[in-house]
Amino acid sequence: MYVVALGGRIAFWVAMVASGFVMLTSGPAPFVELIQGRRVLATTWDVFAWWFAVLLLVSLLGAAAVQAARRRRRRAQGWQQRVADLDRRLAEAIAVQTGRRQR
């Protein structure tokens, strides 16, 4: 499980770096063009539209992450209740079993 978690973390990091580079290359004044020396001017409206799109995308991803976390938390709480029920049943079975041995 540790290896899977570590692999997931590395994959998430690579995805974040790649998405950051994609955002830089597709922005209103593309980053790669500025590096290569070709300057592209973006208007104010281009910048506003770009940042609105970026914020909308990040908000949607955040909402999806919150929903996934809620789903995981509910699932974990369900397992906690199930484990508590199994512990109770096991304790009752042990009590019944030890009561039969004493007779």
PDB file of N, CA and C in Angstrom:
ATOM      1  N   MET A   1       0.826  -1.198   0.000  1.00  0.00           N
ATOM      2  CA  MET A   1       0.000   0.000   0.000  1.00  0.00           C
ATOM      3  C   MET A   1       0.872   1.265   0.000  1.00  0.00           C
ATOM      4  N   TYR A   2       2.026   1.167   0.708  1.00  0.00           N
ATOM      5  CA  TYR A   2       2.910   2.326   0.751  1.00  0.00           C
ATOM      6  C   TYR A   2       3.438   2.654  -0.638  1.00  0.00           C
ATOM      7  N   VAL A   3       3.789   1.621  -1.397  1.00  0.00           N
ATOM      8  CA  VAL A   3       4.315   1.837  -2.751  1.00  0.00           C
ATOM      9  C   VAL A   3       3.237   2.455  -3.642  1.00  0.00           C
ATOM     10  N   VAL A   4       1.997   1.998  -3.489  1.00  0.00           N
ATOM     11  CA  VAL A   4       0.892   2.554  -4.281  1.00  0.00           C
ATOM     12  C   VAL A   4       0.679   4.024  -3.921  1.00  0.00           C
ATOM     13  N   ALA A   5       0.710   4.333  -2.599  1.00  0.00           N
ATOM     14  CA  ALA A   5       0.536   5.722  -2.172  1.00  0.00           C
ATOM     15  C   ALA A   5       1.678   6.596  -2.681  1.00  0.00           C
ATOM     16  N   LEU A   6       2.892   6.092  -2.612  1.00  0.00           N
ATOM     17  CA  LEU A   6       4.038   6.844  -3.099  1.00  0.00           C
ATOM     18  C   LEU A   6       3.938   7.069  -4.609  1.00  0.00           C
ATOM     19  N   GLY A   7       3.540   6.039  -5.332  1.00  0.00           N
ATOM     20  CA  GLY A   7       3.347   6.181  -6.776  1.00  0.00           C
ATOM     21  C   GLY A   7       2.266   7.192  -7.100  1.00  0.00           C
ATOM     22  N   GLY A   8       1.195   7.197  -6.312  1.00  0.00           N
ATOM     23  CA  GLY A   8       0.130   8.179  -6.508  1.00  0.00           C
ATOM     24  C   GLY A   8       0.615   9.594  -6.269  1.00  0.00           C
ATOM     25  N   ARG A   9       1.428   9.778  -5.227  1.00  0.00           N
ATOM     26  CA  ARG A   9       1.971  11.108  -4.948  1.00  0.00           C
ATOM     27  C   ARG A   9       2.872  11.583  -6.079  1.00  0.00           C
ATOM     28  N   ILE A  10       3.710  10.688  -6.575  1.00  0.00           N
ATOM     29  CA  ILE A  10       4.619  11.061  -7.672  1.00  0.00           C
ATOM     30  C   ILE A  10       3.822  11.381  -8.933  1.00  0.00           C
ATOM     31  N   ALA A  11       2.819  10.577  -9.230  1.00  0.00           N
ATOM     32  CA  ALA A  11       1.985  10.836 -10.408  1.00  0.00           C
ATOM     33  C   ALA A  11       1.246  12.164 -10.272  1.00  0.00           C
ATOM     34  N   PHE A  12       0.751  12.470  -9.067  1.00  0.00           N
ATOM     35  CA  PHE A  12       0.067  13.744  -8.842  1.00  0.00           C
ATOM     36  C   PHE A  12       1.025  14.904  -9.056  1.00  0.00           C
ATOM     37  N   TRP A  13       2.258  14.786  -8.551  1.00  0.00           N
ATOM     38  CA  TRP A  13       3.244  15.846  -8.710  1.00  0.00           C
ATOM     39  C   TRP A  13       3.559  16.071 -10.188  1.00  0.00           C
ATOM     40  N   VAL A  14       3.765  14.981 -10.931  1.00  0.00           N
ATOM     41  CA  VAL A  14       4.060  15.098 -12.364  1.00  0.00           C
ATOM     42  C   VAL A  14       2.883  15.744 -13.088  1.00  0.00           C
ATOM     43  N   ALA A  15       1.668  15.353 -12.731  1.00  0.00           N
ATOM     44  CA  ALA A  15       0.486  15.942 -13.367  1.00  0.00           C
ATOM     45  C   ALA A  15       0.384  17.435 -13.058  1.00  0.00           C
ATOM     46  N   MET A  16       0.695  17.827 -11.836  1.00  0.00           N
ATOM     47  CA  MET A  16       0.634  19.249 -11.479  1.00  0.00           C
ATOM     48  C   MET A  16       1.685  20.055 -12.234  1.00  0.00           C
ATOM     49  N   VAL A  17       2.895  19.534 -12.337  1.00  0.00           N
ATOM     50  CA  VAL A  17       3.943  20.242 -13.082  1.00  0.00           C
ATOM     51  C   VAL A  17       3.559  20.343 -14.561  1.00  0.00           C
ATOM     52  N   ALA A  18       3.051  19.251 -15.110  1.00  0.00           N
ATOM     53  CA  ALA A  18       2.652  19.265 -16.528  1.00  0.00           C
ATOM     54  C   ALA A  18       1.494  20.228 -16.762  1.00  0.00           C
ATOM     55  N   SER A  19       0.497  20.224 -15.861  1.00  0.00           N
ATOM     56  CA  SER A  19      -0.628  21.138 -16.058  1.00  0.00           C
ATOM     57  C   SER A  19      -0.190  22.593 -15.893  1.00  0.00           C
ATOM     58  N   GLY A  20       0.749  22.851 -14.990  1.00  0.00           N
ATOM     59  CA  GLY A  20       1.270  24.212 -14.865  1.00  0.00           C
ATOM     60  C   GLY A  20       1.971  24.662 -16.133  1.00  0.00           C
ATOM     61  N   PHE A  21       2.746  23.769 -16.734  1.00  0.00           N
ATOM     62  CA  PHE A  21       3.426  24.118 -17.978  1.00  0.00           C
ATOM     63  C   PHE A  21       2.417  24.328 -19.105  1.00  0.00           C
ATOM     64  N   VAL A  22       1.375  23.507 -19.142  1.00  0.00           N
ATOM     65  CA  VAL A  22       0.330  23.675 -20.168  1.00  0.00           C
ATOM     66  C   VAL A  22      -0.357  25.017 -19.984  1.00  0.00           C
ATOM     67  N   MET A  23      -0.634  25.395 -18.745  1.00  0.00           N
ATOM     68  CA  MET A  23      -1.271  26.698 -18.503  1.00  0.00           C
ATOM     69  C   MET A  23      -0.360  27.837 -18.940  1.00  0.00           C
ATOM     70  N   LEU A  24       0.943  27.696 -18.683  1.00  0.00           N
ATOM     71  CA  LEU A  24       1.872  28.750 -19.092  1.00  0.00           C
ATOM     72  C   LEU A  24       1.973  28.847 -20.612  1.00  0.00           C
ATOM     73  N   THR A  25       1.938  27.714 -21.292  1.00  0.00           N
ATOM     74  CA  THR A  25       2.096  27.749 -22.749  1.00  0.00           C
ATOM     75  C   THR A  25       0.825  28.171 -23.470  1.00  0.00           C
ATOM     76  N   SER A  26      -0.328  28.047 -22.816  1.00  0.00           N
ATOM     77  CA  SER A  26      -1.569  28.382 -23.513  1.00  0.00           C
ATOM     78  C   SER A  26      -2.216  29.652 -22.986  1.00  0.00           C
ATOM     79  N   GLY A  27      -1.519  30.407 -22.170  1.00  0.00           N
ATOM     80  CA  GLY A  27      -2.074  31.625 -21.588  1.00  0.00           C
ATOM     81  C   GLY A  27      -2.224  32.737 -22.591  1.00  0.00           C
ATOM     82  N   PRO A  28      -2.669  33.906 -22.131  1.00  0.00           N
ATOM     83  CA  PRO A  28      -2.884  35.027 -23.044  1.00  0.00           C
ATOM     84  C   PRO A  28      -1.584  35.530 -23.670  1.00  0.00           C
ATOM     85  N   ALA A  29      -0.482  35.431 -22.971  1.00  0.00           N
ATOM     86  CA  ALA A  29       0.827  35.750 -23.547  1.00  0.00           C
ATOM     87  C   ALA A  29       1.689  34.526 -23.298  1.00  0.00           C
ATOM     88  N   PRO A  30       1.694  33.594 -24.229  1.00  0.00           N
ATOM     89  CA  PRO A  30       2.330  32.297 -23.996  1.00  0.00           C
ATOM     90  C   PRO A  30       3.769  32.400 -23.525  1.00  0.00           C
ATOM     91  N   PHE A  31       4.050  31.623 -22.511  1.00  0.00           N
ATOM     92  CA  PHE A  31       5.338  31.615 -21.834  1.00  0.00           C
ATOM     93  C   PHE A  31       6.469  31.183 -22.766  1.00  0.00           C
ATOM     94  N   VAL A  32       6.228  30.151 -23.562  1.00  0.00           N
ATOM     95  CA  VAL A  32       7.264  29.636 -24.451  1.00  0.00           C
ATOM     96  C   VAL A  32       7.635  30.685 -25.496  1.00  0.00           C
ATOM     97  N   GLU A  33       6.656  31.411 -25.989  1.00  0.00           N
ATOM     98  CA  GLU A  33       6.952  32.454 -26.976  1.00  0.00           C
ATOM     99  C   GLU A  33       7.796  33.560 -26.360  1.00  0.00           C
ATOM    100  N   LEU A  34       7.546  33.867 -25.084  1.00  0.00           N
ATOM    101  CA  LEU A  34       8.358  34.886 -24.421  1.00  0.00           C
ATOM    102  C   LEU A  34       9.784  34.385 -24.212  1.00  0.00           C
ATOM    103  N   ILE A  35       9.938  33.096 -23.919  1.00  0.00           N
ATOM    104  CA  ILE A  35      11.274  32.527 -23.737  1.00  0.00           C
ATOM    105  C   ILE A  35      12.038  32.551 -25.054  1.00  0.00           C
ATOM    106  N   GLN A  36      11.355  32.234 -26.148  1.00  0.00           N
ATOM    107  CA  GLN A  36      12.014  32.160 -27.447  1.00  0.00           C
ATOM    108  C   GLN A  36      12.243  33.543 -28.061  1.00  0.00           C
ATOM    109  N   GLY A  37      11.759  34.573 -27.421  1.00  0.00           N
ATOM    110  CA  GLY A  37      12.033  35.925 -27.899  1.00  0.00           C
ATOM    111  C   GLY A  37      10.948  36.514 -28.777  1.00  0.00           C
ATOM    112  N   ARG A  38       9.925  35.772 -29.108  1.00  0.00           N
ATOM    113  CA  ARG A  38       8.820  36.315 -29.899  1.00  0.00           C
ATOM    114  C   ARG A  38       7.767  36.827 -28.916  1.00  0.00           C
ATOM    115  N   ARG A  39       7.554  38.083 -28.880  1.00  0.00           N
ATOM    116  CA  ARG A  39       6.635  38.673 -27.907  1.00  0.00           C
ATOM    117  C   ARG A  39       5.235  38.771 -28.503  1.00  0.00           C
ATOM    118  N   VAL A  40       4.283  38.253 -27.763  1.00  0.00           N
ATOM    119  CA  VAL A  40       2.883  38.341 -28.158  1.00  0.00           C
ATOM    120  C   VAL A  40       2.179  39.177 -27.103  1.00  0.00           C
ATOM    121  N   LEU A  41       1.537  40.241 -27.523  1.00  0.00           N
ATOM    122  CA  LEU A  41       0.842  41.101 -26.572  1.00  0.00           C
ATOM    123  C   LEU A  41      -0.579  40.617 -26.358  1.00  0.00           C
ATOM    124  N   ALA A  42      -0.969  40.580 -25.109  1.00  0.00           N
ATOM    125  CA  ALA A  42      -2.332  40.188 -24.763  1.00  0.00           C
ATOM    126  C   ALA A  42      -3.080  41.426 -24.305  1.00  0.00           C
ATOM    127  N   THR A  43      -4.334  41.525 -24.690  1.00  0.00           N
ATOM    128  CA  THR A  43      -5.139  42.652 -24.251  1.00  0.00           C
ATOM    129  C   THR A  43      -5.620  42.405 -22.822  1.00  0.00           C
ATOM    130  N   THR A  44      -6.156  43.442 -22.225  1.00  0.00           N
ATOM    131  CA  THR A  44      -6.676  43.320 -20.859  1.00  0.00           C
ATOM    132  C   THR A  44      -7.800  42.301 -20.807  1.00  0.00           C
ATOM    133  N   TRP A  45      -8.652  42.293 -21.807  1.00  0.00           N
ATOM    134  CA  TRP A  45      -9.767  41.346 -21.825  1.00  0.00           C
ATOM    135  C   TRP A  45      -9.282  39.918 -21.985  1.00  0.00           C
ATOM    136  N   ASP A  46      -8.213  39.727 -22.739  1.00  0.00           N
ATOM    137  CA  ASP A  46      -7.616  38.394 -22.863  1.00  0.00           C
ATOM    138  C   ASP A  46      -7.141  37.891 -21.506  1.00  0.00           C
ATOM    139  N   VAL A  47      -6.493  38.771 -20.765  1.00  0.00           N
ATOM    140  CA  VAL A  47      -5.985  38.388 -19.449  1.00  0.00           C
ATOM    141  C   VAL A  47      -7.136  38.076 -18.502  1.00  0.00           C
ATOM    142  N   PHE A  48      -8.167  38.923 -18.489  1.00  0.00           N
ATOM    143  CA  PHE A  48      -9.331  38.668 -17.621  1.00  0.00           C
ATOM    144  C   PHE A  48     -10.003  37.342 -17.977  1.00  0.00           C
ATOM    145  N   ALA A  49     -10.201  37.109 -19.268  1.00  0.00           N
ATOM    146  CA  ALA A  49     -10.842  35.854 -19.685  1.00  0.00           C
ATOM    147  C   ALA A  49      -9.982  34.656 -19.319  1.00  0.00           C
ATOM    148  N   TRP A  50      -8.672  34.778 -19.492  1.00  0.00           N
ATOM    149  CA  TRP A  50      -7.765  33.675 -19.165  1.00  0.00           C
ATOM    150  C   TRP A  50      -7.817  33.353 -17.671  1.00  0.00           C
ATOM    151  N   TRP A  51      -7.695  34.377 -16.828  1.00  0.00           N
ATOM    152  CA  TRP A  51      -7.687  34.106 -15.390  1.00  0.00           C
ATOM    153  C   TRP A  51      -9.045  33.650 -14.899  1.00  0.00           C
ATOM    154  N   PHE A  52     -10.127  34.122 -15.508  1.00  0.00           N
ATOM    155  CA  PHE A  52     -11.450  33.612 -15.158  1.00  0.00           C
ATOM    156  C   PHE A  52     -11.543  32.126 -15.495  1.00  0.00           C
ATOM    157  N   ALA A  53     -11.035  31.739 -16.649  1.00  0.00           N
ATOM    158  CA  ALA A  53     -11.050  30.325 -17.035  1.00  0.00           C
ATOM    159  C   ALA A  53     -10.191  29.488 -16.094  1.00  0.00           C
ATOM    160  N   VAL A  54      -9.028  30.001 -15.715  1.00  0.00           N
ATOM    161  CA  VAL A  54      -8.147  29.268 -14.787  1.00  0.00           C
ATOM    162  C   VAL A  54      -8.822  29.114 -13.432  1.00  0.00           C
ATOM    163  N   LEU A  55      -9.405  30.200 -12.913  1.00  0.00           N
ATOM    164  CA  LEU A  55     -10.077  30.129 -11.619  1.00  0.00           C
ATOM    165  C   LEU A  55     -11.284  29.200 -11.664  1.00  0.00           C
ATOM    166  N   LEU A  56     -12.015  29.210 -12.762  1.00  0.00           N
ATOM    167  CA  LEU A  56     -13.153  28.309 -12.903  1.00  0.00           C
ATOM    168  C   LEU A  56     -12.695  26.857 -12.910  1.00  0.00           C
ATOM    169  N   LEU A  57     -11.627  26.575 -13.635  1.00  0.00           N
ATOM    170  CA  LEU A  57     -11.093  25.214 -13.687  1.00  0.00           C
ATOM    171  C   LEU A  57     -10.626  24.751 -12.312  1.00  0.00           C
ATOM    172  N   VAL A  58      -9.882  25.603 -11.610  1.00  0.00           N
ATOM    173  CA  VAL A  58      -9.395  25.248 -10.278  1.00  0.00           C
ATOM    174  C   VAL A  58     -10.558  25.067  -9.310  1.00  0.00           C
ATOM    175  N   SER A  59     -11.582  25.897  -9.411  1.00  0.00           N
ATOM    176  CA  SER A  59     -12.756  25.763  -8.540  1.00  0.00           C
ATOM    177  C   SER A  59     -13.473  24.436  -8.789  1.00  0.00           C
ATOM    178  N   LEU A  60     -13.616  24.068 -10.037  1.00  0.00           N
ATOM    179  CA  LEU A  60     -14.271  22.798 -10.349  1.00  0.00           C
ATOM    180  C   LEU A  60     -13.449  21.613  -9.848  1.00  0.00           C
ATOM    181  N   LEU A  61     -12.139  21.677 -10.016  1.00  0.00           N
ATOM    182  CA  LEU A  61     -11.281  20.610  -9.507  1.00  0.00           C
ATOM    183  C   LEU A  61     -11.341  20.547  -7.980  1.00  0.00           C
ATOM    184  N   GLY A  62     -11.373  21.696  -7.324  1.00  0.00           N
ATOM    185  CA  GLY A  62     -11.492  21.727  -5.870  1.00  0.00           C
ATOM    186  C   GLY A  62     -12.808  21.135  -5.404  1.00  0.00           C
ATOM    187  N   ALA A  63     -13.898  21.462  -6.089  1.00  0.00           N
ATOM    188  CA  ALA A  63     -15.198  20.907  -5.723  1.00  0.00           C
ATOM    189  C   ALA A  63     -15.212  19.388  -5.903  1.00  0.00           C
ATOM    190  N   ALA A  64     -14.609  18.914  -6.969  1.00  0.00           N
ATOM    191  CA  ALA A  64     -14.542  17.462  -7.183  1.00  0.00           C
ATOM    192  C   ALA A  64     -13.698  16.798  -6.102  1.00  0.00           C
ATOM    193  N   ALA A  65     -12.609  17.435  -5.701  1.00  0.00           N
ATOM    194  CA  ALA A  65     -11.757  16.872  -4.640  1.00  0.00           C
ATOM    195  C   ALA A  65     -12.483  16.839  -3.307  1.00  0.00           C
ATOM    196  N   VAL A  66     -13.258  17.867  -3.011  1.00  0.00           N
ATOM    197  CA  VAL A  66     -14.028  17.895  -1.759  1.00  0.00           C
ATOM    198  C   VAL A  66     -15.068  16.783  -1.761  1.00  0.00           C
ATOM    199  N   GLN A  67     -15.748  16.589  -2.880  1.00  0.00           N
ATOM    200  CA  GLN A  67     -16.747  15.523  -2.957  1.00  0.00           C
ATOM    201  C   GLN A  67     -16.105  14.150  -2.796  1.00  0.00           C
ATOM    202  N   ALA A  68     -14.944  13.966  -3.407  1.00  0.00           N
ATOM    203  CA  ALA A  68     -14.242  12.681  -3.268  1.00  0.00           C
ATOM    204  C   ALA A  68     -13.826  12.456  -1.820  1.00  0.00           C
ATOM    205  N   ALA A  69     -13.358  13.515  -1.152  1.00  0.00           N
ATOM    206  CA  ALA A  69     -12.964  13.385   0.254  1.00  0.00           C
ATOM    207  C   ALA A  69     -14.169  13.072   1.130  1.00  0.00           C
ATOM    208  N   ARG A  70     -15.303  13.699   0.857  1.00  0.00           N
ATOM    209  CA  ARG A  70     -16.525  13.399   1.625  1.00  0.00           C
ATOM    210  C   ARG A  70     -16.944  11.948   1.433  1.00  0.00           C
ATOM    211  N   ARG A  71     -16.867  11.495   0.194  1.00  0.00           N
ATOM    212  CA  ARG A  71     -17.241  10.111  -0.091  1.00  0.00           C
ATOM    213  C   ARG A  71     -16.321   9.143   0.657  1.00  0.00           C
ATOM    214  N   ARG A  72     -15.012   9.425   0.648  1.00  0.00           N
ATOM    215  CA  ARG A  72     -14.061   8.577   1.371  1.00  0.00           C
ATOM    216  C   ARG A  72     -14.321   8.615   2.870  1.00  0.00           C
ATOM    217  N   ARG A  73     -14.619   9.800   3.399  1.00  0.00           N
ATOM    218  CA  ARG A  73     -14.879   9.929   4.829  1.00  0.00           C
ATOM    219  C   ARG A  73     -16.130   9.147   5.224  1.00  0.00           C
ATOM    220  N   ARG A  74     -17.183   9.230   4.409  1.00  0.00           N
ATOM    221  CA  ARG A  74     -18.407   8.461   4.693  1.00  0.00           C
ATOM    222  C   ARG A  74     -18.138   6.964   4.644  1.00  0.00           C
ATOM    223  N   ARG A  75     -17.350   6.554   3.670  1.00  0.00           N
ATOM    224  CA  ARG A  75     -17.010   5.138   3.559  1.00  0.00           C
ATOM    225  C   ARG A  75     -16.218   4.685   4.781  1.00  0.00           C
ATOM    226  N   ALA A  76     -15.275   5.511   5.217  1.00  0.00           N
ATOM    227  CA  ALA A  76     -14.471   5.170   6.398  1.00  0.00           C
ATOM    228  C   ALA A  76     -15.346   5.116   7.643  1.00  0.00           C
ATOM    229  N   GLN A  77     -16.297   6.034   7.769  1.00  0.00           N
ATOM    230  CA  GLN A  77     -17.192   6.006   8.926  1.00  0.00           C
ATOM    231  C   GLN A  77     -18.057   4.754   8.899  1.00  0.00           C
ATOM    232  N   GLY A  78     -18.476   4.349   7.721  1.00  0.00           N
ATOM    233  CA  GLY A  78     -19.249   3.114   7.601  1.00  0.00           C
ATOM    234  C   GLY A  78     -18.430   1.911   8.044  1.00  0.00           C
ATOM    235  N   TRP A  79     -17.156   1.902   7.675  1.00  0.00           N
ATOM    236  CA  TRP A  79     -16.301   0.801   8.107  1.00  0.00           C
ATOM    237  C   TRP A  79     -16.066   0.841   9.602  1.00  0.00           C
ATOM    238  N   GLN A  80     -15.967   2.030  10.181  1.00  0.00           N
ATOM    239  CA  GLN A  80     -15.787   2.130  11.627  1.00  0.00           C
ATOM    240  C   GLN A  80     -16.997   1.549  12.351  1.00  0.00           C
ATOM    241  N   GLN A  81     -18.188   1.827  11.846  1.00  0.00           N
ATOM    242  CA  GLN A  81     -19.400   1.264  12.453  1.00  0.00           C
ATOM    243  C   GLN A  81     -19.423  -0.251  12.283  1.00  0.00           C
ATOM    244  N   ARG A  82     -19.029  -0.717  11.125  1.00  0.00           N
ATOM    245  CA  ARG A  82     -18.998  -2.158  10.870  1.00  0.00           C
ATOM    246  C   ARG A  82     -17.992  -2.851  11.789  1.00  0.00           C
ATOM    247  N   VAL A  83     -16.810  -2.265  11.962  1.00  0.00           N
ATOM    248  CA  VAL A  83     -15.796  -2.842  12.843  1.00  0.00           C
ATOM    249  C   VAL A  83     -16.291  -2.850  14.286  1.00  0.00           C
ATOM    250  N   ALA A  84     -16.948  -1.777  14.719  1.00  0.00           N
ATOM    251  CA  ALA A  84     -17.487  -1.734  16.079  1.00  0.00           C
ATOM    252  C   ALA A  84     -18.545  -2.827  16.268  1.00  0.00           C
ATOM    253  N   ASP A  85     -19.385  -3.037  15.253  1.00  0.00           N
ATOM    254  CA  ASP A  85     -20.395  -4.095  15.332  1.00  0.00           C
ATOM    255  C   ASP A  85     -19.735  -5.473  15.395  1.00  0.00           C
ATOM    256  N   LEU A  86     -18.704  -5.683  14.588  1.00  0.00           N
ATOM    257  CA  LEU A  86     -17.998  -6.966  14.619  1.00  0.00           C
ATOM    258  C   LEU A  86     -17.286  -7.179  15.951  1.00  0.00           C
ATOM    259  N   ASP A  87     -16.707  -6.125  16.520  1.00  0.00           N
ATOM    260  CA  ASP A  87     -16.077  -6.236  17.840  1.00  0.00           C
ATOM    261  C   ASP A  87     -17.108  -6.626  18.903  1.00  0.00           C
ATOM    262  N   ARG A  88     -18.275  -5.998  18.846  1.00  0.00           N
ATOM    263  CA  ARG A  88     -19.343  -6.319  19.799  1.00  0.00           C
ATOM    264  C   ARG A  88     -19.771  -7.773  19.658  1.00  0.00           C
ATOM    265  N   ARG A  89     -19.964  -8.215  18.424  1.00  0.00           N
ATOM    266  CA  ARG A  89     -20.363  -9.607  18.190  1.00  0.00           C
ATOM    267  C   ARG A  89     -19.295 -10.590  18.657  1.00  0.00           C
ATOM    268  N   LEU A  90     -18.043 -10.254  18.401  1.00  0.00           N
ATOM    269  CA  LEU A  90     -16.945 -11.120  18.837  1.00  0.00           C
ATOM    270  C   LEU A  90     -16.888 -11.210  20.357  1.00  0.00           C
ATOM    271  N   ALA A  91     -17.074 -10.072  21.023  1.00  0.00           N
ATOM    272  CA  ALA A  91     -17.082 -10.078  22.488  1.00  0.00           C
ATOM    273  C   ALA A  91     -18.234 -10.929  23.023  1.00  0.00           C
ATOM    274  N   GLU A  92     -19.405 -10.822  22.394  1.00  0.00           N
ATOM    275  CA  GLU A  92     -20.549 -11.643  22.814  1.00  0.00           C
ATOM    276  C   GLU A  92     -20.272 -13.119  22.574  1.00  0.00           C
ATOM    277  N   ALA A  93     -19.672 -13.444  21.451  1.00  0.00           N
ATOM    278  CA  ALA A  93     -19.372 -14.847  21.147  1.00  0.00           C
ATOM    279  C   ALA A  93     -18.346 -15.406  22.125  1.00  0.00           C
ATOM    280  N   ILE A  94     -17.344 -14.620  22.456  1.00  0.00           N
ATOM    281  CA  ILE A  94     -16.340 -15.066  23.428  1.00  0.00           C
ATOM    282  C   ILE A  94     -16.989 -15.262  24.794  1.00  0.00           C
ATOM    283  N   ALA A  95     -17.881 -14.357  25.172  1.00  0.00           N
ATOM    284  CA  ALA A  95     -18.562 -14.483  26.462  1.00  0.00           C
ATOM    285  C   ALA A  95     -19.417 -15.736  26.498  1.00  0.00           C
ATOM    286  N   VAL A  96     -20.122 -16.003  25.409  1.00  0.00           N
ATOM    287  CA  VAL A  96     -20.957 -17.215  25.350  1.00  0.00           C
ATOM    288  C   VAL A  96     -20.074 -18.447  25.382  1.00  0.00           C
ATOM    289  N   GLN A  97     -18.991 -18.407  24.636  1.00  0.00           N
ATOM    290  CA  GLN A  97     -18.088 -19.568  24.576  1.00  0.00           C
ATOM    291  C   GLN A  97     -17.421 -19.838  25.921  1.00  0.00           C
ATOM    292  N   THR A  98     -16.957 -18.815  26.601  1.00  0.00           N
ATOM    293  CA  THR A  98     -16.337 -19.017  27.916  1.00  0.00           C
ATOM    294  C   THR A  98     -17.377 -19.416  28.949  1.00  0.00           C
ATOM    295  N   GLY A  99     -18.607 -18.960  28.800  1.00  0.00           N
ATOM    296  CA  GLY A  99     -19.689 -19.368  29.710  1.00  0.00           C
ATOM    297  C   GLY A  99     -20.009 -20.835  29.553  1.00  0.00           C
ATOM    298  N   ARG A 100     -19.928 -21.380  28.365  1.00  0.00           N
ATOM    299  CA  ARG A 100     -20.197 -22.808  28.136  1.00  0.00           C
ATOM    300  C   ARG A 100     -19.072 -23.668  28.707  1.00  0.00           C
ATOM    301  N   ARG A 101     -17.846 -23.161  28.616  1.00  0.00           N
ATOM    302  CA  ARG A 101     -16.702 -23.939  29.129  1.00  0.00           C
ATOM    303  C   ARG A 101     -16.741 -24.017  30.662  1.00  0.00           C
ATOM    304  N   GLN A 102     -17.244 -22.991  31.292  1.00  0.00           N
ATOM    305  CA  GLN A 102     -17.261 -22.981  32.756  1.00  0.00           C
ATOM    306  C   GLN A 102     -18.307 -23.940  33.307  1.00  0.00           C
ATOM    307  N   ARG A 103     -19.298 -24.284  32.573  1.00  0.00           N
ATOM    308  CA  ARG A 103     -20.375 -25.157  33.060  1.00  0.00           C
ATOM    309  C   ARG A 103     -19.935 -26.556  33.137  1.00  0.00           C
TER     310      ARG A 103
END
